[in-house]
Amino acid sequence: MSKKDDLMVVYKDKLKSMKVSLDEDLLTTVVNGLGPSIYLADASKVSCSDKDELGRVKKNFLAKKLGMTDDAKMDAAVKKVCEQFGSSDRNKYRAVFYYLLCQNLGKRP
């Protein structure tokens, strides 16, 4: 298996452990959109305690990729996903984070 395939298994297991339904096409689209960042330790995860990081998620994913403009709605979506992961989860994989944003908002990149 390739590194990407290995990571897809990790992401699917994470979603399963969170009791989230899996849309493989959506997960694949999100992972492909992230490109090589999924292989970098820091870039592959999202820190919910870092306001700058969450701002980048809003700007670079929600606004640019999903076309959202409502700041309050973006903030609420990010907050919901952070709560879904929980504060004790140190592995907030960016691919899973973005997948959950898409799923919660009913949007596709």
Protein backbone atom coordinates (compact mmCIF):
# COMPACT_ATOMS: atom_id res chain seq x y z
CA MET A 1 0.00 0.00 0.00
CA SER A 2 1.08 3.58 -0.62
CA LYS A 3 1.50 6.16 2.13
CA LYS A 4 -1.73 7.78 0.98
CA ASP A 5 -3.59 4.47 1.25
CA ASP A 6 -2.17 3.98 4.74
CA LEU A 7 -3.37 7.44 5.76
CA MET A 8 -6.81 6.79 4.29
CA VAL A 9 -7.10 3.77 6.60
CA VAL A 10 -6.09 5.97 9.56
CA TYR A 11 -8.67 8.60 8.60
CA LYS A 12 -11.43 6.01 8.14
CA ASP A 13 -10.59 4.46 11.52
CA LYS A 14 -10.71 7.91 13.13
CA LEU A 15 -14.15 8.61 11.66
CA LYS A 16 -15.35 5.18 12.77
CA SER A 17 -14.08 5.77 16.31
CA MET A 18 -15.95 9.10 16.31
CA LYS A 19 -19.11 7.27 15.16
CA VAL A 20 -19.33 9.41 12.00
CA SER A 21 -20.78 8.03 8.78
CA LEU A 22 -18.28 7.58 6.00
CA ASP A 23 -18.65 9.02 2.51
CA GLU A 24 -15.55 7.62 0.81
CA ASP A 25 -15.88 9.91 -2.20
CA LEU A 26 -15.95 12.99 0.01
CA LEU A 27 -12.99 11.79 2.09
CA THR A 28 -11.00 11.04 -1.07
CA THR A 29 -11.83 14.48 -2.50
CA VAL A 30 -10.72 16.19 0.73
CA VAL A 31 -7.49 14.16 0.95
CA ASN A 32 -6.64 14.82 -2.70
CA GLY A 33 -7.29 18.53 -2.18
CA LEU A 34 -4.82 18.65 0.70
CA GLY A 35 -2.03 17.33 -1.48
CA PRO A 36 1.35 16.69 0.12
CA SER A 37 0.43 18.45 3.38
CA ILE A 38 -1.06 15.17 4.67
CA TYR A 39 2.49 13.77 4.91
CA LEU A 40 3.88 16.59 7.07
CA ALA A 41 3.57 16.12 10.84
CA ASP A 42 2.53 19.69 11.67
CA ALA A 43 0.54 20.52 8.55
CA SER A 44 -1.46 17.29 8.71
CA LYS A 45 -3.17 18.29 11.97
CA VAL A 46 -5.36 21.15 13.17
CA SER A 47 -4.94 22.76 16.57
CA CYS A 48 -8.26 23.97 17.97
CA SER A 49 -6.45 26.00 20.63
CA ASP A 50 -4.53 28.05 18.04
CA LYS A 51 -6.66 31.00 16.88
CA ASP A 52 -4.34 31.70 13.94
CA GLU A 53 -4.68 28.10 12.78
CA LEU A 54 -8.47 28.26 12.96
CA GLY A 55 -8.36 31.53 11.03
CA ARG A 56 -6.40 29.79 8.28
CA VAL A 57 -8.97 26.98 8.21
CA LYS A 58 -11.71 29.57 7.74
CA LYS A 59 -9.83 31.57 5.11
CA ASN A 60 -8.17 28.80 3.12
CA PHE A 61 -10.78 26.07 3.31
CA LEU A 62 -14.19 27.42 4.22
CA ALA A 63 -13.92 30.67 2.25
CA LYS A 64 -11.69 29.67 -0.68
CA LYS A 65 -12.65 26.01 -1.20
CA LEU A 66 -16.27 26.00 -0.04
CA GLY A 67 -17.12 29.59 -1.01
CA MET A 68 -18.48 30.59 2.40
CA THR A 69 -18.71 34.27 3.35
CA ASP A 70 -20.66 34.30 6.64
CA ASP A 71 -18.07 34.66 9.43
CA ALA A 72 -20.49 33.62 12.18
CA LYS A 73 -21.48 30.48 10.31
CA MET A 74 -17.83 29.60 9.67
CA ASP A 75 -16.96 30.13 13.34
CA ALA A 76 -19.88 27.94 14.43
CA ALA A 77 -18.85 25.17 12.00
CA VAL A 78 -15.23 25.18 13.20
CA LYS A 79 -16.34 25.20 16.84
CA LYS A 80 -18.66 22.25 16.25
CA VAL A 81 -15.90 20.18 14.67
CA CYS A 82 -13.50 21.03 17.51
CA GLU A 83 -16.18 19.83 19.94
CA GLN A 84 -16.70 16.64 17.91
CA PHE A 85 -13.01 15.82 18.33
CA GLY A 86 -12.93 16.84 21.99
CA SER A 87 -10.13 18.67 23.74
CA SER A 88 -8.26 15.51 24.74
CA ASP A 89 -7.83 14.30 21.14
CA ARG A 90 -4.34 15.29 20.05
CA ASN A 91 -4.77 13.80 16.57
CA LYS A 92 -7.13 16.22 14.90
CA TYR A 93 -6.16 15.18 11.40
CA ARG A 94 -6.69 18.00 8.91
CA ALA A 95 -8.31 15.64 6.39
CA VAL A 96 -10.82 14.41 8.98
CA PHE A 97 -11.37 17.97 10.25
CA TYR A 98 -12.17 19.23 6.74
CA TYR A 99 -14.32 16.16 6.05
CA LEU A 100 -16.39 16.91 9.16
CA LEU A 101 -16.74 20.56 8.13
CA CYS A 102 -18.05 19.48 4.73
CA GLN A 103 -20.39 16.92 6.22
CA ASN A 104 -21.75 19.28 8.88
CA LEU A 105 -22.29 22.07 6.36
CA GLY A 106 -23.63 19.83 3.61
CA LYS A 107 -21.01 21.13 1.17
CA ARG A 108 -18.38 19.56 -1.07
CA PRO A 109 -15.05 21.08 -2.10
